[in-house]
Amino acid sequence: MNQRFETSNVDKGASTSVRLTVTGPHPREAVMEWMEDLPADELGVRGRDGWIVQEVSADDDTAVVDITAAGEALCKGADEAFDVLDALGCELAWEERPQE
């Protein structure tokens, strides 16, 4: 059973990333389906409401993305990733990254 991303370490002023490793049936296709539904800026960076998501790596069995934002926006991005990818049957593993 997947767990939502949780942190008590969100500094409202500092940019923070969470690395999401997605496995299960067709993980890259699931991640791409989610990302394609997100608005993109003029450089093609996808996200919404103050957070962005970027693909780090992918192969047949695993897709890895970083969700980056400051403050509560990080939790909103992680919640959206959970809602979409969990519903698609993916397994999710979260890793909080050092603040920048």
Protein backbone atom coordinates (compact mmCIF):
# COMPACT_ATOMS: atom_id res chain seq x y z
CA MET A 1 0.00 0.00 0.00
CA ASN A 2 1.36 3.41 -1.00
CA GLN A 3 1.92 6.18 1.49
CA ARG A 4 1.48 9.89 0.83
CA PHE A 5 4.57 12.06 1.11
CA GLU A 6 4.80 13.64 4.56
CA THR A 7 7.29 16.09 5.98
CA SER A 8 7.59 18.37 8.94
CA ASN A 9 10.65 19.96 7.37
CA VAL A 10 9.10 22.30 4.81
CA ASP A 11 10.72 25.73 5.16
CA LYS A 12 8.34 28.27 3.64
CA GLY A 13 11.20 30.23 2.05
CA ALA A 14 13.56 27.51 0.83
CA SER A 15 13.19 25.46 -2.31
CA THR A 16 12.92 21.76 -1.51
CA SER A 17 12.63 18.66 -3.69
CA VAL A 18 11.17 15.26 -3.13
CA ARG A 19 12.33 12.41 -5.35
CA LEU A 20 9.57 10.03 -6.36
CA THR A 21 10.48 6.57 -7.63
CA VAL A 22 7.62 4.93 -9.49
CA THR A 23 7.48 1.19 -10.19
CA GLY A 24 4.77 -1.29 -11.11
CA PRO A 25 2.95 -1.73 -14.39
CA HIS A 26 4.24 0.72 -17.04
CA PRO A 27 5.71 3.30 -14.66
CA ARG A 28 7.12 5.67 -17.29
CA GLU A 29 3.87 5.68 -19.26
CA ALA A 30 1.96 6.48 -16.07
CA VAL A 31 4.33 9.32 -15.19
CA MET A 32 4.18 10.71 -18.73
CA GLU A 33 0.36 10.54 -18.70
CA TRP A 34 0.34 12.59 -15.49
CA MET A 35 2.97 15.08 -16.67
CA GLU A 36 1.27 15.65 -20.02
CA ASP A 37 -1.84 16.76 -18.11
CA LEU A 38 0.17 19.51 -16.35
CA PRO A 39 0.59 22.98 -17.85
CA ALA A 40 4.05 23.78 -19.23
CA ASP A 41 5.88 27.11 -19.16
CA GLU A 42 7.68 28.61 -22.16
CA LEU A 43 10.67 26.31 -21.51
CA GLY A 44 8.53 23.17 -21.30
CA VAL A 45 8.82 22.82 -17.52
CA ARG A 46 5.64 21.28 -16.13
CA GLY A 47 3.85 21.96 -12.86
CA ARG A 48 1.14 24.08 -11.27
CA ASP A 49 0.38 26.18 -8.20
CA GLY A 50 4.02 26.92 -7.41
CA TRP A 51 5.55 23.44 -7.88
CA ILE A 52 7.35 21.82 -10.81
CA VAL A 53 8.04 18.22 -11.76
CA GLN A 54 11.04 17.00 -13.77
CA GLU A 55 11.88 13.52 -14.99
CA VAL A 56 15.23 12.34 -13.59
CA SER A 57 15.45 8.89 -15.20
CA ALA A 58 13.35 6.09 -16.60
CA ASP A 59 13.70 2.54 -17.88
CA ASP A 60 11.30 -0.35 -18.44
CA ASP A 61 10.67 -0.96 -14.72
CA THR A 62 11.17 2.41 -13.02
CA ALA A 63 10.54 6.11 -13.50
CA VAL A 64 12.09 8.74 -11.23
CA VAL A 65 10.91 12.36 -10.97
CA ASP A 66 11.74 15.30 -8.74
CA ILE A 67 8.96 17.55 -7.48
CA THR A 68 10.34 20.93 -6.41
CA ALA A 69 8.75 23.89 -4.65
CA ALA A 70 8.98 26.14 -1.63
CA GLY A 71 6.75 25.62 1.38
CA GLU A 72 3.34 24.02 1.17
CA ALA A 73 3.40 23.95 -2.64
CA LEU A 74 5.73 20.93 -2.39
CA CYS A 75 3.08 19.00 -0.49
CA LYS A 76 0.44 19.96 -3.06
CA GLY A 77 2.60 18.62 -5.90
CA ALA A 78 3.32 15.41 -4.01
CA ASP A 79 -0.39 14.98 -3.23
CA GLU A 80 -1.28 15.32 -6.90
CA ALA A 81 1.39 12.79 -7.89
CA PHE A 82 0.04 10.37 -5.30
CA ASP A 83 -3.58 10.82 -6.37
CA VAL A 84 -2.86 10.20 -10.05
CA LEU A 85 -0.15 7.52 -9.92
CA ASP A 86 -1.66 5.49 -7.07
CA ALA A 87 -4.95 5.36 -9.00
CA LEU A 88 -3.03 4.02 -12.02
CA GLY A 89 -1.71 1.10 -9.93
CA CYS A 90 1.87 2.31 -9.51
CA GLU A 91 4.07 1.68 -6.49
CA LEU A 92 5.49 4.90 -5.04
CA ALA A 93 8.62 5.54 -2.95
CA TRP A 94 9.43 9.05 -1.64
CA GLU A 95 12.84 10.50 -0.76
CA GLU A 96 13.12 14.02 0.63
CA ARG A 97 16.08 15.83 -0.92
CA PRO A 98 18.29 18.42 0.83
CA GLN A 99 17.03 22.00 0.76
CA GLU A 100 18.71 24.32 -1.71
